Amino acid sequence: MSTFAVEYTYDADRSEEADQVRPEHRAFLRDLLDQGRLLASGPWVGAAPGALLLVVADDTAAVESLLDADPFHREGLITRRTVRRWNPVIGPFTADAG
């Protein structure tokens, strides 16, 4: 398994819709956390609307498939999703952490 940094860019014109879907979106993310598939996630602060997610998966295709079930994705609230493999070498997300 590898770690991936995923950047979401949200549709700024649909913030009211996002507010309505957010509880389901966060429940989805909590489920991924419970499964060990999500290491962390959270919105950008003071920038264009979006978020960063750290996801554990076999490859980029697996990350995309996993996140296709995100209610924000399902509702078309994400205008761009960038997935990049990430190699944490220092900190709590390294292979030898814990």
N, C-alpha and C. Protein backbone atom coordinates (compact mmCIF):
# COMPACT_ATOMS: atom_id res chain seq x y z
N MET A 1 0.84 -1.18 0.00
CA MET A 1 0.00 0.00 0.00
C MET A 1 0.89 1.24 0.00
N SER A 2 0.41 2.25 -0.67
CA SER A 2 1.12 3.53 -0.76
C SER A 2 0.24 4.64 -0.22
N THR A 3 0.87 5.76 0.07
CA THR A 3 0.15 6.93 0.54
C THR A 3 0.03 7.93 -0.60
N PHE A 4 -1.15 8.53 -0.72
CA PHE A 4 -1.43 9.49 -1.78
C PHE A 4 -1.97 10.78 -1.17
N ALA A 5 -1.50 11.90 -1.70
CA ALA A 5 -2.05 13.21 -1.36
C ALA A 5 -3.07 13.55 -2.44
N VAL A 6 -4.27 13.84 -2.02
CA VAL A 6 -5.36 14.16 -2.95
C VAL A 6 -5.81 15.58 -2.66
N GLU A 7 -5.82 16.39 -3.70
CA GLU A 7 -6.31 17.76 -3.55
C GLU A 7 -7.65 17.87 -4.27
N TYR A 8 -8.63 18.34 -3.51
CA TYR A 8 -9.95 18.64 -4.07
C TYR A 8 -10.03 20.14 -4.30
N THR A 9 -10.63 20.55 -5.40
CA THR A 9 -11.04 21.93 -5.62
C THR A 9 -12.56 21.92 -5.71
N TYR A 10 -13.19 22.73 -4.86
CA TYR A 10 -14.65 22.76 -4.81
C TYR A 10 -15.21 23.84 -5.72
N ASP A 11 -16.43 23.66 -6.15
CA ASP A 11 -17.16 24.64 -6.95
C ASP A 11 -17.62 25.76 -6.02
N ALA A 12 -16.96 26.91 -6.11
CA ALA A 12 -17.25 28.04 -5.22
C ALA A 12 -18.68 28.56 -5.38
N ASP A 13 -19.28 28.33 -6.53
CA ASP A 13 -20.64 28.82 -6.78
C ASP A 13 -21.71 27.91 -6.17
N ARG A 14 -21.29 26.80 -5.60
CA ARG A 14 -22.28 25.85 -5.06
C ARG A 14 -22.06 25.58 -3.57
N SER A 15 -21.65 26.62 -2.84
CA SER A 15 -21.34 26.44 -1.42
C SER A 15 -22.57 26.07 -0.59
N GLU A 16 -23.75 26.55 -0.97
CA GLU A 16 -24.96 26.18 -0.22
C GLU A 16 -25.27 24.70 -0.39
N GLU A 17 -25.09 24.19 -1.59
CA GLU A 17 -25.28 22.75 -1.82
C GLU A 17 -24.25 21.95 -1.04
N ALA A 18 -23.02 22.44 -1.02
CA ALA A 18 -21.97 21.76 -0.27
C ALA A 18 -22.31 21.70 1.22
N ASP A 19 -22.86 22.80 1.74
CA ASP A 19 -23.27 22.81 3.16
C ASP A 19 -24.30 21.73 3.45
N GLN A 20 -25.21 21.49 2.50
CA GLN A 20 -26.25 20.47 2.69
C GLN A 20 -25.68 19.06 2.63
N VAL A 21 -24.68 18.84 1.78
CA VAL A 21 -24.12 17.50 1.57
C VAL A 21 -22.98 17.21 2.56
N ARG A 22 -22.42 18.26 3.18
CA ARG A 22 -21.23 18.10 4.03
C ARG A 22 -21.38 17.02 5.11
N PRO A 23 -22.50 16.91 5.82
CA PRO A 23 -22.58 15.84 6.83
C PRO A 23 -22.39 14.44 6.23
N GLU A 24 -22.97 14.19 5.08
CA GLU A 24 -22.80 12.89 4.42
C GLU A 24 -21.36 12.72 3.94
N HIS A 25 -20.76 13.78 3.41
CA HIS A 25 -19.36 13.78 2.97
C HIS A 25 -18.44 13.43 4.14
N ARG A 26 -18.65 14.07 5.28
CA ARG A 26 -17.80 13.82 6.44
C ARG A 26 -18.02 12.43 7.01
N ALA A 27 -19.24 11.92 6.97
CA ALA A 27 -19.49 10.54 7.41
C ALA A 27 -18.76 9.55 6.50
N PHE A 28 -18.75 9.83 5.20
CA PHE A 28 -18.02 9.00 4.24
C PHE A 28 -16.53 8.99 4.60
N LEU A 29 -15.97 10.18 4.87
CA LEU A 29 -14.56 10.27 5.21
C LEU A 29 -14.25 9.57 6.54
N ARG A 30 -15.14 9.71 7.52
CA ARG A 30 -14.92 9.01 8.80
C ARG A 30 -14.92 7.49 8.61
N ASP A 31 -15.76 7.01 7.72
CA ASP A 31 -15.78 5.58 7.41
C ASP A 31 -14.45 5.14 6.80
N LEU A 32 -13.91 5.95 5.88
CA LEU A 32 -12.60 5.64 5.30
C LEU A 32 -11.51 5.64 6.37
N LEU A 33 -11.60 6.58 7.32
CA LEU A 33 -10.65 6.62 8.43
C LEU A 33 -10.74 5.34 9.26
N ASP A 34 -11.96 4.92 9.57
CA ASP A 34 -12.17 3.70 10.35
C ASP A 34 -11.64 2.46 9.63
N GLN A 35 -11.68 2.49 8.30
CA GLN A 35 -11.18 1.37 7.49
C GLN A 35 -9.66 1.40 7.34
N GLY A 36 -9.02 2.48 7.80
CA GLY A 36 -7.58 2.63 7.63
C GLY A 36 -7.20 3.13 6.25
N ARG A 37 -8.15 3.59 5.47
CA ARG A 37 -7.88 4.07 4.11
C ARG A 37 -7.57 5.56 4.06
N LEU A 38 -8.03 6.32 5.06
CA LEU A 38 -7.81 7.75 5.15
C LEU A 38 -6.93 8.03 6.37
N LEU A 39 -5.85 8.79 6.16
CA LEU A 39 -4.98 9.16 7.27
C LEU A 39 -5.39 10.49 7.87
N ALA A 40 -5.81 11.42 7.02
CA ALA A 40 -6.22 12.76 7.47
C ALA A 40 -6.92 13.47 6.32
N SER A 41 -7.73 14.45 6.67
CA SER A 41 -8.34 15.30 5.65
C SER A 41 -8.79 16.59 6.29
N GLY A 42 -8.90 17.61 5.47
CA GLY A 42 -9.40 18.88 5.97
C GLY A 42 -9.36 19.92 4.88
N PRO A 43 -10.18 20.97 5.06
CA PRO A 43 -10.27 22.03 4.05
C PRO A 43 -9.08 22.98 4.13
N TRP A 44 -8.79 23.60 3.00
CA TRP A 44 -7.81 24.68 2.97
C TRP A 44 -8.38 25.86 3.75
N VAL A 45 -7.53 26.64 4.36
CA VAL A 45 -7.95 27.81 5.13
C VAL A 45 -7.50 29.07 4.38
N GLY A 46 -8.43 29.97 4.15
CA GLY A 46 -8.11 31.26 3.55
C GLY A 46 -7.69 31.19 2.10
N ALA A 47 -8.02 30.13 1.44
CA ALA A 47 -7.66 29.99 0.03
C ALA A 47 -8.92 29.66 -0.77
N ALA A 48 -8.73 29.40 -2.03
CA ALA A 48 -9.86 28.95 -2.85
C ALA A 48 -10.45 27.71 -2.20
N PRO A 49 -11.76 27.50 -2.32
CA PRO A 49 -12.38 26.37 -1.64
C PRO A 49 -11.82 25.03 -2.13
N GLY A 50 -11.42 24.21 -1.18
CA GLY A 50 -10.87 22.90 -1.51
C GLY A 50 -10.39 22.22 -0.25
N ALA A 51 -9.75 21.08 -0.43
CA ALA A 51 -9.30 20.29 0.71
C ALA A 51 -8.13 19.42 0.31
N LEU A 52 -7.44 18.91 1.34
CA LEU A 52 -6.36 17.94 1.17
C LEU A 52 -6.75 16.68 1.91
N LEU A 53 -6.57 15.54 1.25
CA LEU A 53 -6.83 14.24 1.85
C LEU A 53 -5.58 13.39 1.72
N LEU A 54 -5.24 12.64 2.74
CA LEU A 54 -4.15 11.67 2.67
C LEU A 54 -4.78 10.29 2.69
N VAL A 55 -4.58 9.55 1.60
CA VAL A 55 -5.29 8.29 1.37
C VAL A 55 -4.28 7.16 1.19
N VAL A 56 -4.61 6.00 1.72
CA VAL A 56 -3.79 4.79 1.55
C VAL A 56 -4.48 3.88 0.55
N ALA A 57 -3.73 3.49 -0.48
CA ALA A 57 -4.30 2.61 -1.52
C ALA A 57 -3.16 1.96 -2.29
N ASP A 58 -3.52 1.03 -3.17
CA ASP A 58 -2.52 0.34 -3.97
C ASP A 58 -1.95 1.21 -5.08
N ASP A 59 -2.79 2.02 -5.71
CA ASP A 59 -2.35 2.84 -6.83
C ASP A 59 -3.33 3.98 -7.05
N THR A 60 -3.00 4.86 -8.00
CA THR A 60 -3.83 6.03 -8.29
C THR A 60 -5.25 5.63 -8.69
N ALA A 61 -5.36 4.59 -9.50
CA ALA A 61 -6.69 4.15 -9.93
C ALA A 61 -7.54 3.72 -8.74
N ALA A 62 -6.93 3.07 -7.76
CA ALA A 62 -7.67 2.64 -6.57
C ALA A 62 -8.13 3.85 -5.75
N VAL A 63 -7.28 4.87 -5.67
CA VAL A 63 -7.66 6.10 -4.95
C VAL A 63 -8.87 6.73 -5.64
N GLU A 64 -8.78 6.87 -6.95
CA GLU A 64 -9.87 7.50 -7.70
C GLU A 64 -11.16 6.71 -7.55
N SER A 65 -11.07 5.40 -7.64
CA SER A 65 -12.26 4.55 -7.49
C SER A 65 -12.87 4.71 -6.09
N LEU A 66 -12.02 4.72 -5.07
CA LEU A 66 -12.47 4.87 -3.69
C LEU A 66 -13.19 6.20 -3.51
N LEU A 67 -12.60 7.27 -4.04
CA LEU A 67 -13.15 8.61 -3.83
C LEU A 67 -14.30 8.94 -4.76
N ASP A 68 -14.53 8.12 -5.77
CA ASP A 68 -15.71 8.32 -6.62
C ASP A 68 -17.01 8.19 -5.81
N ALA A 69 -16.94 7.48 -4.68
CA ALA A 69 -18.12 7.30 -3.84
C ALA A 69 -18.35 8.46 -2.87
N ASP A 70 -17.44 9.43 -2.85
CA ASP A 70 -17.59 10.59 -1.98
C ASP A 70 -18.85 11.36 -2.40
N PRO A 71 -19.73 11.66 -1.47
CA PRO A 71 -20.94 12.42 -1.81
C PRO A 71 -20.64 13.76 -2.50
N PHE A 72 -19.55 14.42 -2.16
CA PHE A 72 -19.19 15.65 -2.87
C PHE A 72 -18.91 15.36 -4.34
N HIS A 73 -18.26 14.25 -4.62
CA HIS A 73 -17.98 13.87 -6.01
C HIS A 73 -19.29 13.51 -6.72
N ARG A 74 -20.09 12.71 -6.05
CA ARG A 74 -21.37 12.26 -6.61
C ARG A 74 -22.26 13.45 -7.01
N GLU A 75 -22.24 14.49 -6.20
CA GLU A 75 -23.09 15.66 -6.44
C GLU A 75 -22.44 16.69 -7.35
N GLY A 76 -21.24 16.41 -7.84
CA GLY A 76 -20.57 17.32 -8.76
C GLY A 76 -20.03 18.58 -8.10
N LEU A 77 -19.73 18.52 -6.80
CA LEU A 77 -19.25 19.68 -6.07
C LEU A 77 -17.74 19.85 -6.15
N ILE A 78 -17.06 18.84 -6.68
CA ILE A 78 -15.61 18.89 -6.85
C ILE A 78 -15.32 19.20 -8.32
N THR A 79 -14.65 20.31 -8.56
CA THR A 79 -14.36 20.69 -9.95
C THR A 79 -13.04 20.11 -10.44
N ARG A 80 -12.16 19.79 -9.50
CA ARG A 80 -10.89 19.17 -9.87
C ARG A 80 -10.41 18.29 -8.72
N ARG A 81 -9.86 17.14 -9.08
CA ARG A 81 -9.30 16.21 -8.08
C ARG A 81 -7.92 15.80 -8.60
N THR A 82 -6.90 16.13 -7.83
CA THR A 82 -5.53 15.79 -8.19
C THR A 82 -5.02 14.73 -7.22
N VAL A 83 -4.50 13.64 -7.76
CA VAL A 83 -3.99 12.54 -6.95
C VAL A 83 -2.50 12.39 -7.24
N ARG A 84 -1.70 12.44 -6.16
CA ARG A 84 -0.26 12.26 -6.31
C ARG A 84 0.25 11.31 -5.24
N ARG A 85 1.11 10.39 -5.64
CA ARG A 85 1.72 9.49 -4.66
C ARG A 85 2.64 10.33 -3.79
N TRP A 86 2.62 10.05 -2.49
CA TRP A 86 3.38 10.82 -1.51
C TRP A 86 4.21 9.88 -0.68
N ASN A 87 5.44 10.26 -0.38
CA ASN A 87 6.35 9.43 0.40
C ASN A 87 6.71 10.14 1.70
N PRO A 88 5.93 9.95 2.76
CA PRO A 88 6.26 10.58 4.03
C PRO A 88 7.50 9.93 4.64
N VAL A 89 8.51 10.73 4.95
CA VAL A 89 9.74 10.18 5.53
C VAL A 89 9.94 10.61 6.98
N ILE A 90 9.22 11.64 7.40
CA ILE A 90 9.31 12.12 8.78
C ILE A 90 7.89 12.39 9.27
N GLY A 91 7.58 11.93 10.48
CA GLY A 91 6.29 12.24 11.06
C GLY A 91 5.38 11.05 11.25
N PRO A 92 4.15 11.33 11.65
CA PRO A 92 3.23 10.25 12.06
C PRO A 92 2.74 9.36 10.92
N PHE A 93 2.95 9.75 9.68
CA PHE A 93 2.43 8.96 8.56
C PHE A 93 3.50 8.10 7.92
N THR A 94 4.68 7.99 8.54
CA THR A 94 5.73 7.14 8.00
C THR A 94 5.47 5.69 8.35
N ALA A 95 6.09 4.80 7.61
CA ALA A 95 5.88 3.36 7.82
C ALA A 95 6.30 2.93 9.21
N ASP A 96 7.30 3.59 9.81
CA ASP A 96 7.79 3.17 11.13
C ASP A 96 7.18 3.97 12.27
N ALA A 97 6.19 4.80 11.98
CA ALA A 97 5.53 5.60 13.03
C ALA A 97 4.68 4.68 13.91
N GLY A 98 4.52 5.08 15.11
CA GLY A 98 3.64 4.35 16.00
C GLY A 98 4.38 3.56 16.96
